[in-house]
Protein backbone atom coordinates (compact mmCIF):
# COMPACT_ATOMS: atom_id res chain seq x y z
CA MET A 1 129.52 -75.51 -38.81
CA GLY A 2 132.89 -74.46 -37.42
CA SER A 3 131.35 -71.76 -35.23
CA ILE A 4 128.79 -74.24 -33.87
CA THR A 5 131.56 -76.69 -32.97
CA LEU A 6 133.57 -73.94 -31.32
CA THR A 7 130.55 -72.79 -29.33
CA LYS A 8 129.86 -76.36 -28.21
CA ALA A 9 133.49 -76.84 -27.17
CA LYS A 10 133.37 -73.58 -25.22
CA GLY A 11 130.21 -74.73 -23.46
CA ILE A 12 131.82 -78.02 -22.46
CA TRP A 13 134.89 -76.14 -21.22
CA GLN A 14 132.75 -73.87 -19.04
CA THR A 15 131.11 -76.89 -17.37
CA LEU A 16 134.44 -78.24 -16.14
CA PRO A 17 135.43 -77.54 -12.51
CA VAL A 18 137.51 -74.40 -12.10
CA PRO A 19 140.57 -76.21 -10.66
CA LEU A 20 140.53 -78.64 -13.60
CA ARG A 21 140.31 -75.79 -16.10
CA GLY A 22 143.19 -74.03 -14.36
CA ALA A 23 145.36 -77.14 -14.38
CA ALA A 24 144.56 -77.85 -18.03
CA THR A 25 145.39 -74.24 -18.98
CA LEU A 26 148.69 -74.36 -17.13
CA LEU A 27 149.65 -77.66 -18.75
CA ALA A 28 148.76 -76.28 -22.19
CA VAL A 29 150.86 -73.17 -21.53
CA LEU A 30 153.85 -75.24 -20.42
CA ALA A 31 153.50 -77.56 -23.43
CA LEU A 32 153.36 -74.64 -25.86
CA ALA A 33 156.28 -72.94 -24.10
CA ALA A 34 158.35 -76.12 -24.36
CA LEU A 35 157.43 -76.47 -28.03
CA LEU A 36 158.45 -72.87 -28.78
CA THR A 37 161.76 -73.31 -26.96
CA THR A 38 162.51 -76.45 -28.97
CA VAL A 39 161.35 -75.20 -32.38
CA ARG A 40 163.07 -71.82 -32.06
CA HIS A 41 166.30 -73.35 -30.69
CA ASN A 42 166.39 -71.03 -27.68
CA ALA A 43 168.30 -73.63 -25.67
CA SER A 44 171.24 -73.59 -28.07
CA ALA A 45 174.08 -71.18 -27.39
CA TYR A 46 175.31 -71.83 -30.91
CA LEU A 47 172.12 -71.44 -32.96
CA THR A 48 170.58 -68.48 -31.12
CA GLY A 49 173.68 -67.13 -29.36
CA VAL A 50 174.23 -65.43 -26.01
CA TRP A 51 174.75 -61.78 -25.13
CA ASP A 52 176.27 -62.06 -21.69
CA THR A 53 179.73 -63.50 -21.00
CA GLY A 54 180.35 -61.60 -17.77
CA SER A 55 177.45 -61.98 -15.34
CA GLN A 56 176.46 -65.53 -16.29
CA THR A 57 179.88 -66.86 -15.32
CA LEU A 58 178.93 -66.16 -11.68
CA VAL A 59 176.17 -68.75 -11.97
CA TYR A 60 178.50 -71.27 -13.60
CA GLY A 61 180.90 -70.82 -10.69
CA ARG A 62 178.13 -71.39 -8.14
CA ILE A 63 176.80 -74.44 -10.02
CA HIS A 64 180.30 -75.92 -10.15
CA GLN A 65 180.76 -75.24 -6.43
CA MET A 66 177.57 -77.15 -5.60
CA GLU A 67 178.55 -79.86 -8.08
CA GLN A 68 181.72 -80.55 -6.10
CA GLY A 69 179.99 -80.47 -2.73
CA GLN A 70 181.82 -77.30 -1.68
CA TYR A 71 180.33 -74.45 0.33
CA ALA A 72 181.21 -70.87 1.21
CA PRO A 73 179.46 -68.86 3.98
CA GLY A 74 176.39 -67.08 2.65
CA GLY A 75 175.80 -69.33 -0.36
CA PHE A 76 176.50 -66.56 -2.87
CA LEU A 77 177.22 -66.74 -6.57
CA GLY A 78 180.90 -66.55 -7.45
CA VAL A 79 183.84 -67.57 -9.61
CA TYR A 80 187.04 -69.58 -9.31
CA THR A 81 189.04 -67.08 -11.36
CA ASP A 82 190.09 -63.44 -11.07
CA ASP A 83 188.62 -62.57 -14.47
CA TRP A 84 184.83 -62.82 -14.73
CA SER A 85 184.57 -62.03 -18.42
CA ASP A 86 186.10 -65.19 -19.87
CA ASP A 87 184.69 -68.70 -20.31
CA THR A 88 186.91 -70.38 -17.71
CA ASN A 89 184.19 -71.02 -15.13
CA ARG A 90 181.84 -72.27 -17.83
CA ALA A 91 184.57 -74.68 -18.96
CA LEU A 92 185.14 -75.83 -15.35
CA PHE A 93 181.44 -76.67 -15.09
CA ARG A 94 181.13 -78.36 -18.48
CA ASP A 95 184.33 -80.41 -18.08
CA ASP A 96 183.70 -81.22 -14.41
CA THR A 97 187.19 -80.01 -13.55
CA PRO A 98 188.25 -80.41 -9.87
CA THR A 99 188.89 -77.04 -8.22
CA ASP A 100 190.17 -75.79 -4.90
CA ALA A 101 187.38 -74.61 -2.60
CA ALA A 102 189.61 -71.80 -1.31
CA ALA A 103 189.85 -70.34 -4.83
CA PHE A 104 186.14 -69.49 -4.89
CA HIS A 105 185.46 -65.71 -4.92
CA PRO A 106 181.87 -64.95 -3.79
CA TYR A 107 179.81 -62.26 -5.46
CA THR A 108 178.00 -60.66 -2.54
CA HIS A 109 175.90 -58.00 -4.27
CA GLN A 110 172.72 -60.12 -4.24
CA SER A 111 171.39 -63.33 -2.68
CA GLY A 112 172.04 -65.41 -5.79
CA LEU A 113 168.83 -67.43 -5.70
CA GLN A 114 169.33 -68.45 -9.32
CA GLY A 115 172.57 -70.17 -8.32
CA TRP A 116 170.75 -72.27 -5.75
CA LEU A 117 168.00 -73.12 -8.27
CA PHE A 118 170.17 -74.09 -11.22
CA GLY A 119 172.76 -75.71 -8.99
CA GLY A 120 170.10 -78.00 -7.54
CA VAL A 121 168.60 -78.77 -10.96
CA ASN A 122 172.08 -79.51 -12.33
CA ARG A 123 172.73 -82.06 -9.60
CA LEU A 124 169.48 -83.83 -10.51
CA LEU A 125 170.36 -83.75 -14.21
CA ARG A 126 173.69 -85.47 -13.56
CA HIS A 127 171.81 -88.74 -13.02
CA TRP A 128 170.63 -88.72 -16.66
CA LEU A 129 173.03 -86.29 -18.40
CA PRO A 130 176.65 -86.85 -17.37
CA ASP A 131 177.92 -84.65 -20.20
CA GLY A 132 178.40 -81.02 -19.14
CA LEU A 133 177.33 -79.54 -22.47
CA ALA A 134 174.10 -81.54 -22.40
CA ARG A 135 173.34 -80.27 -18.89
CA GLU A 136 174.05 -76.70 -19.92
CA THR A 137 171.63 -77.06 -22.83
CA ALA A 138 169.01 -78.53 -20.49
CA LEU A 139 169.38 -75.57 -18.10
CA TYR A 140 169.05 -73.17 -21.03
CA TRP A 141 165.96 -75.09 -22.18
CA LEU A 142 164.37 -74.85 -18.74
CA ASN A 143 165.08 -71.12 -18.45
CA SER A 144 163.71 -70.36 -21.92
CA THR A 145 160.61 -72.49 -21.36
CA LEU A 146 159.83 -70.66 -18.13
CA PHE A 147 160.17 -67.33 -19.92
CA TYR A 148 157.83 -68.37 -22.73
CA ALA A 149 155.36 -69.72 -20.15
CA ALA A 150 155.37 -66.40 -18.27
CA GLU A 151 154.84 -64.46 -21.51
CA LEU A 152 152.03 -66.80 -22.57
CA LEU A 153 150.27 -66.26 -19.23
CA VAL A 154 150.49 -62.51 -19.79
CA ALA A 155 149.12 -63.03 -23.30
CA LEU A 156 146.16 -64.98 -21.87
CA ALA A 157 145.38 -62.07 -19.54
CA VAL A 158 145.54 -59.68 -22.52
CA TRP A 159 143.26 -62.03 -24.50
CA GLU A 160 140.71 -62.01 -21.68
CA GLU A 161 140.61 -58.22 -21.58
CA PHE A 162 141.30 -57.05 -25.15
CA GLY A 163 140.76 -60.09 -27.35
CA PRO A 164 142.92 -62.58 -29.27
CA LEU A 165 144.30 -60.09 -31.80
CA ALA A 166 145.78 -57.87 -29.10
CA ALA A 167 147.26 -60.93 -27.38
CA ALA A 168 148.77 -62.11 -30.67
CA PHE A 169 150.35 -58.73 -31.36
CA GLY A 170 151.78 -58.56 -27.84
CA PHE A 171 153.24 -62.06 -28.00
CA ALA A 172 154.63 -61.39 -31.48
CA SER A 173 156.83 -58.72 -29.92
CA VAL A 174 158.46 -61.53 -27.94
CA LEU A 175 158.90 -63.90 -30.86
CA LEU A 176 160.34 -61.21 -33.14
CA ALA A 177 162.74 -59.54 -30.68
CA PRO A 178 166.33 -60.75 -31.29
CA TRP A 179 167.61 -59.63 -27.88
CA LEU A 180 164.87 -61.57 -26.09
CA GLN A 181 165.41 -64.61 -28.28
CA ARG A 182 169.08 -64.61 -27.34
CA GLY A 183 168.73 -63.46 -23.75
CA MET A 184 165.94 -65.64 -22.39
CA LYS A 185 168.37 -68.53 -21.85
CA ASP A 186 170.71 -66.47 -19.66
CA LEU A 187 171.15 -68.16 -16.28
CA TYR A 188 172.07 -64.97 -14.42
CA TRP A 189 169.38 -62.51 -15.50
CA CYS A 190 166.56 -65.11 -15.57
CA LEU A 191 164.16 -63.00 -17.61
CA TRP A 192 161.13 -65.01 -16.51
CA THR A 193 161.59 -63.73 -12.96
CA TRP A 194 161.21 -60.19 -14.31
CA LEU A 195 157.57 -61.02 -15.07
CA LEU A 196 156.70 -62.59 -11.71
CA PRO A 197 155.45 -59.34 -10.07
CA LEU A 198 153.28 -58.61 -13.13
CA LEU A 199 151.86 -62.15 -13.12
CA ALA A 200 151.07 -61.89 -9.40
CA ALA A 201 149.21 -58.62 -10.00
CA LEU A 202 147.31 -60.11 -12.95
CA TRP A 203 146.27 -63.06 -10.79
CA LEU A 204 145.11 -60.64 -8.07
CA CYS A 205 142.95 -58.79 -10.61
CA HIS A 206 141.55 -62.04 -12.00
CA CYS A 207 140.60 -63.40 -8.58
CA THR A 208 139.06 -60.06 -7.61
CA ARG A 209 136.86 -59.95 -10.73
CA VAL A 210 135.76 -63.57 -10.34
CA ARG A 211 135.04 -63.46 -6.59
CA GLY A 212 134.00 -59.84 -6.21
CA LYS A 213 136.70 -59.24 -3.61
CA THR A 214 140.44 -59.74 -3.32
CA PRO A 215 141.41 -63.01 -1.61
CA ARG A 216 143.83 -62.51 1.24
CA GLY A 217 146.34 -64.89 -0.29
CA CYS A 218 146.91 -62.56 -3.24
CA TRP A 219 148.81 -59.99 -1.16
CA PRO A 220 151.55 -62.36 0.08
CA LEU A 221 151.72 -63.74 -3.47
CA VAL A 222 152.66 -60.28 -4.77
CA ALA A 223 155.22 -59.95 -1.98
CA ALA A 224 156.69 -63.39 -2.74
CA ALA A 225 156.95 -62.60 -6.46
CA CYS A 226 158.90 -59.40 -5.76
CA MET A 227 161.06 -61.14 -3.17
CA VAL A 228 162.01 -63.95 -5.59
CA ARG A 229 162.92 -61.44 -8.28
CA CYS A 230 165.02 -59.36 -5.87
CA MET A 231 166.83 -62.45 -4.61
CA CYS A 232 167.99 -62.93 -8.20
CA GLY A 233 169.19 -59.33 -8.36
CA PHE A 234 167.92 -55.88 -7.38
CA GLU A 235 168.75 -54.40 -10.77
CA PHE A 236 165.79 -52.81 -12.59
CA ILE A 237 163.74 -52.84 -9.39
CA THR A 238 161.76 -49.75 -10.39
CA THR A 239 160.74 -51.47 -13.62
CA PHE A 240 159.39 -54.52 -11.76
CA LEU A 241 157.48 -52.45 -9.23
CA ILE A 242 155.80 -50.38 -11.96
CA LEU A 243 154.97 -53.54 -13.91
CA CYS A 244 153.26 -54.84 -10.78
CA GLU A 245 150.97 -51.79 -10.66
CA ILE A 246 149.96 -51.65 -14.34
CA PRO A 247 146.99 -54.11 -14.17
CA LEU A 248 145.54 -52.45 -11.07
CA CYS A 249 145.91 -48.93 -12.45
CA TYR A 250 144.17 -50.09 -15.61
CA ALA A 251 141.33 -51.60 -13.57
CA ALA A 252 140.91 -48.35 -11.63
CA ALA A 253 140.89 -46.28 -14.81
CA LYS A 254 138.39 -48.65 -16.43
CA ALA A 255 136.06 -48.39 -13.44
CA TYR A 256 136.15 -44.59 -13.53
CA PHE A 257 136.18 -43.77 -17.24
CA VAL A 258 134.33 -46.73 -18.79
CA ARG A 259 131.90 -47.91 -16.11
CA ARG A 260 131.41 -44.44 -14.60
CA ASP A 261 131.89 -45.91 -11.14
CA PRO A 262 133.96 -43.50 -8.98
CA HIS A 263 133.55 -45.66 -5.89
CA GLY A 264 134.76 -48.73 -7.74
CA ALA A 265 137.73 -46.75 -9.01
CA LEU A 266 138.63 -45.75 -5.45
CA VAL A 267 138.43 -49.39 -4.37
CA TRP A 268 140.81 -50.37 -7.16
CA LEU A 269 143.15 -47.53 -6.22
CA GLY A 270 143.12 -48.95 -2.69
CA ARG A 271 144.11 -52.31 -4.12
CA THR A 272 146.86 -50.56 -6.07
CA VAL A 273 148.23 -49.17 -2.83
CA GLY A 274 147.90 -52.59 -1.21
CA ALA A 275 149.82 -54.22 -4.04
CA GLY A 276 152.51 -51.56 -3.73
CA VAL A 277 152.85 -52.16 -0.01
CA SER A 278 152.98 -55.92 -0.57
CA ALA A 279 155.63 -55.49 -3.26
CA LEU A 280 157.74 -53.31 -1.00
CA GLY A 281 157.30 -55.91 1.73
CA GLY A 282 158.77 -58.49 -0.63
CA VAL A 283 161.70 -56.18 -1.37
CA ILE A 284 162.31 -55.67 2.36
CA ALA A 285 162.19 -59.43 2.95
CA ALA A 286 164.76 -59.93 0.19
CA LEU A 287 166.96 -57.25 1.73
CA ALA A 288 166.72 -58.93 5.13
CA LEU A 289 167.72 -62.31 3.68
CA TRP A 290 170.57 -60.68 1.79
CA PHE A 291 171.80 -59.01 4.99
CA ALA A 292 171.71 -62.36 6.81
CA GLN A 293 173.82 -63.91 4.04
CA GLU A 294 176.25 -61.00 4.21
CA TRP A 295 176.57 -61.45 7.97
CA LEU A 296 177.38 -65.14 7.51
CA CYS A 297 179.92 -64.29 4.83
CA PHE A 298 181.73 -61.41 6.55
CA GLY A 299 181.22 -62.45 10.16
CA SER A 300 179.91 -59.11 11.47
CA ALA A 301 176.85 -56.93 11.01
CA ALA A 302 178.98 -53.83 10.44
CA ASP A 303 180.91 -55.37 7.55
CA ALA A 304 177.71 -56.78 6.11
CA TRP A 305 176.04 -53.36 6.18
CA GLN A 306 179.07 -51.67 4.65
CA ASN A 307 179.17 -54.13 1.76
CA MET A 308 175.43 -53.76 1.14
CA THR A 309 175.57 -49.97 1.03
CA ARG A 310 178.57 -50.13 -1.31
CA ALA A 311 176.68 -52.46 -3.66
CA VAL A 312 173.71 -50.05 -3.74
CA THR A 313 175.76 -46.89 -4.30
CA ASP A 314 177.67 -48.57 -7.12
CA ARG A 315 174.41 -48.96 -9.05
CA VAL A 316 172.12 -46.05 -8.19
CA SER A 317 172.72 -42.61 -9.75
CA LEU A 318 169.97 -40.56 -10.20
CA THR A 319 144.91 -35.39 -23.55
CA ASP A 320 142.71 -33.12 -24.64
CA GLY A 321 138.80 -33.34 -24.55
CA ALA A 322 138.57 -34.80 -28.06
CA VAL A 323 139.86 -38.11 -26.73
CA ARG A 324 137.06 -40.43 -25.71
CA ASP A 325 137.07 -41.55 -22.09
CA VAL A 326 137.19 -45.18 -23.20
CA ASN A 327 140.71 -44.49 -24.52
CA VAL A 328 142.04 -43.40 -21.15
CA PRO A 329 142.65 -46.82 -19.51
CA PRO A 330 144.77 -48.13 -22.43
CA CYS A 331 146.66 -44.84 -22.53
CA ILE A 332 147.45 -45.15 -18.83
CA VAL A 333 148.74 -48.68 -19.43
CA TRP A 334 150.92 -47.39 -22.29
CA GLY A 335 152.27 -44.56 -20.13
CA LEU A 336 153.17 -46.92 -17.30
CA GLY A 337 154.71 -49.31 -19.81
CA LEU A 338 156.95 -46.46 -20.92
CA ALA A 339 157.74 -45.44 -17.34
CA ALA A 340 158.76 -48.96 -16.31
CA PRO A 341 161.98 -49.23 -18.38
CA ALA A 342 162.67 -45.50 -18.43
CA SER A 343 162.63 -45.33 -14.63
CA TRP A 344 165.67 -47.58 -14.28
CA MET A 345 167.60 -45.84 -17.02
CA VAL A 346 167.05 -42.50 -15.25
CA LEU A 347 167.76 -43.89 -11.78
CA SER A 348 170.84 -45.94 -12.66
CA LYS A 349 172.77 -44.55 -15.58
CA ALA A 350 175.96 -46.16 -14.26
CA HIS A 351 174.49 -49.67 -14.33
CA ALA A 352 172.97 -49.10 -17.79
CA ALA A 353 176.36 -47.96 -19.08
CA ILE A 354 177.98 -51.22 -17.90
CA HIS A 355 175.30 -53.62 -19.15
CA THR A 356 174.61 -52.02 -22.52
CA HIS A 357 173.40 -55.35 -23.94
CA LEU A 358 170.43 -55.20 -21.54
CA VAL A 359 169.25 -51.71 -22.52
CA PRO A 360 167.32 -52.65 -25.72
CA MET A 361 165.93 -55.76 -24.02
CA LEU A 362 164.68 -53.70 -21.04
CA TRP A 363 162.13 -51.95 -23.28
CA HIS A 364 160.30 -55.25 -23.60
CA PHE A 365 159.31 -54.88 -19.93
CA ALA A 366 156.79 -53.66 -20.94
CA PHE A 367 156.80 -50.78 -23.43
CA VAL A 368 157.21 -52.77 -26.68
CA PRO A 369 154.64 -55.54 -25.99
CA ILE A 370 152.10 -53.02 -24.69
CA SER A 371 152.61 -50.85 -27.78
CA CYS A 372 152.11 -53.87 -30.06
CA MET A 373 149.12 -55.04 -28.04
CA LEU A 374 147.41 -51.66 -28.34
CA LEU A 375 147.76 -51.47 -32.13
CA PRO A 376 144.66 -53.60 -32.85
CA VAL A 377 142.85 -51.97 -29.91
CA LEU A 378 143.42 -48.51 -31.40
CA ALA A 379 142.49 -49.84 -34.84
CA LYS A 380 139.08 -50.78 -33.46
CA LEU A 381 138.57 -47.23 -32.26
CA MET A 382 139.28 -45.88 -35.73
CA ILE A 383 136.48 -47.92 -37.32
CA PRO A 384 133.61 -45.47 -37.98
CA GLY A 385 130.41 -46.19 -36.08
CA ARG A 386 132.09 -48.55 -33.62
CA LYS A 387 130.05 -48.14 -30.44
CA LYS A 388 131.08 -51.21 -28.54
CA ASP A 389 133.41 -50.66 -25.61
CA LEU A 390 137.00 -51.83 -25.84
CA VAL A 391 136.57 -54.29 -23.05
CA ALA A 392 133.83 -56.66 -22.10
CA SER A 393 132.03 -56.15 -18.82
CA HIS A 394 132.84 -58.53 -16.01
């Protein structure tokens, strides 16, 4: 009886217009994300804690600057104190303490898009939440909800390709990770933006499978996702770019090894290159915007260029035949999931040494969730006599 009801509900769902199904799915994702944030107390700095008292203070300084109607050339993040590692700027924001505009020290090593975002949201919240602590909690709630929503969208893509058990295992790696549970609220790192390039690539793959070709709008979407992430910080850029390529590399491997379609695999490899070019275009756009902000801040192109190069140099330091071909696409995904976090740790040992609290969390983009996701997939392969392919044909 239950299976008949489920089949009937699925049939009704399939008859709905595609835009309506998309809107309903998005609303359901946001509702579940909001519920998880509330139930798991991710918006509370006291119940789930924080692991960053240095970088986040830059956002508090920028929010407080916007709160007072002050402005500094470039619109960067910044602080009103000489010491970034204490809670002074957080206290200034929460207590609405008047400050001297000249005391603001801009942080010019990135565009600081998160400061603009949360500063604007904070000004809206003041109409309903005059208390600073309540507004801080609301900003934490928003940030955590967006992170859960991004992870749920990834889980839906995993469900579509590998089934509900794989999606559940992957999402469990988010729910059970203490560093993610503490860090998703952080206003500086904005972990949900780390997933934007991956989500853009997943949407590109989905649209391509449904329509038989890649819509033109998917390429600028990939570029915009990478640009938004870079405007919140260029740290871990190699991780984001590899994440962006994982779905397309999987699709190419699936076409070649599972469907035995070399031409289709080449087409997907072409899309992989296209996504890479689009992603790099987004990075270049973010660099151009950052340079423009630097020019406004320092007053000359030469000083702007010098500061940008200094910011970059401060951070960058330099199967056998028994395996069935159907295993190859998941193995490629796992290998890229390993390469994504490892790439940044190899490229930027200096930055990793400073932000040690981010190192364990970095492995969740995307080595840990992919490993958990593949556990039930590999379990299927170990069942004797299992002839059905890992993935359904599209």
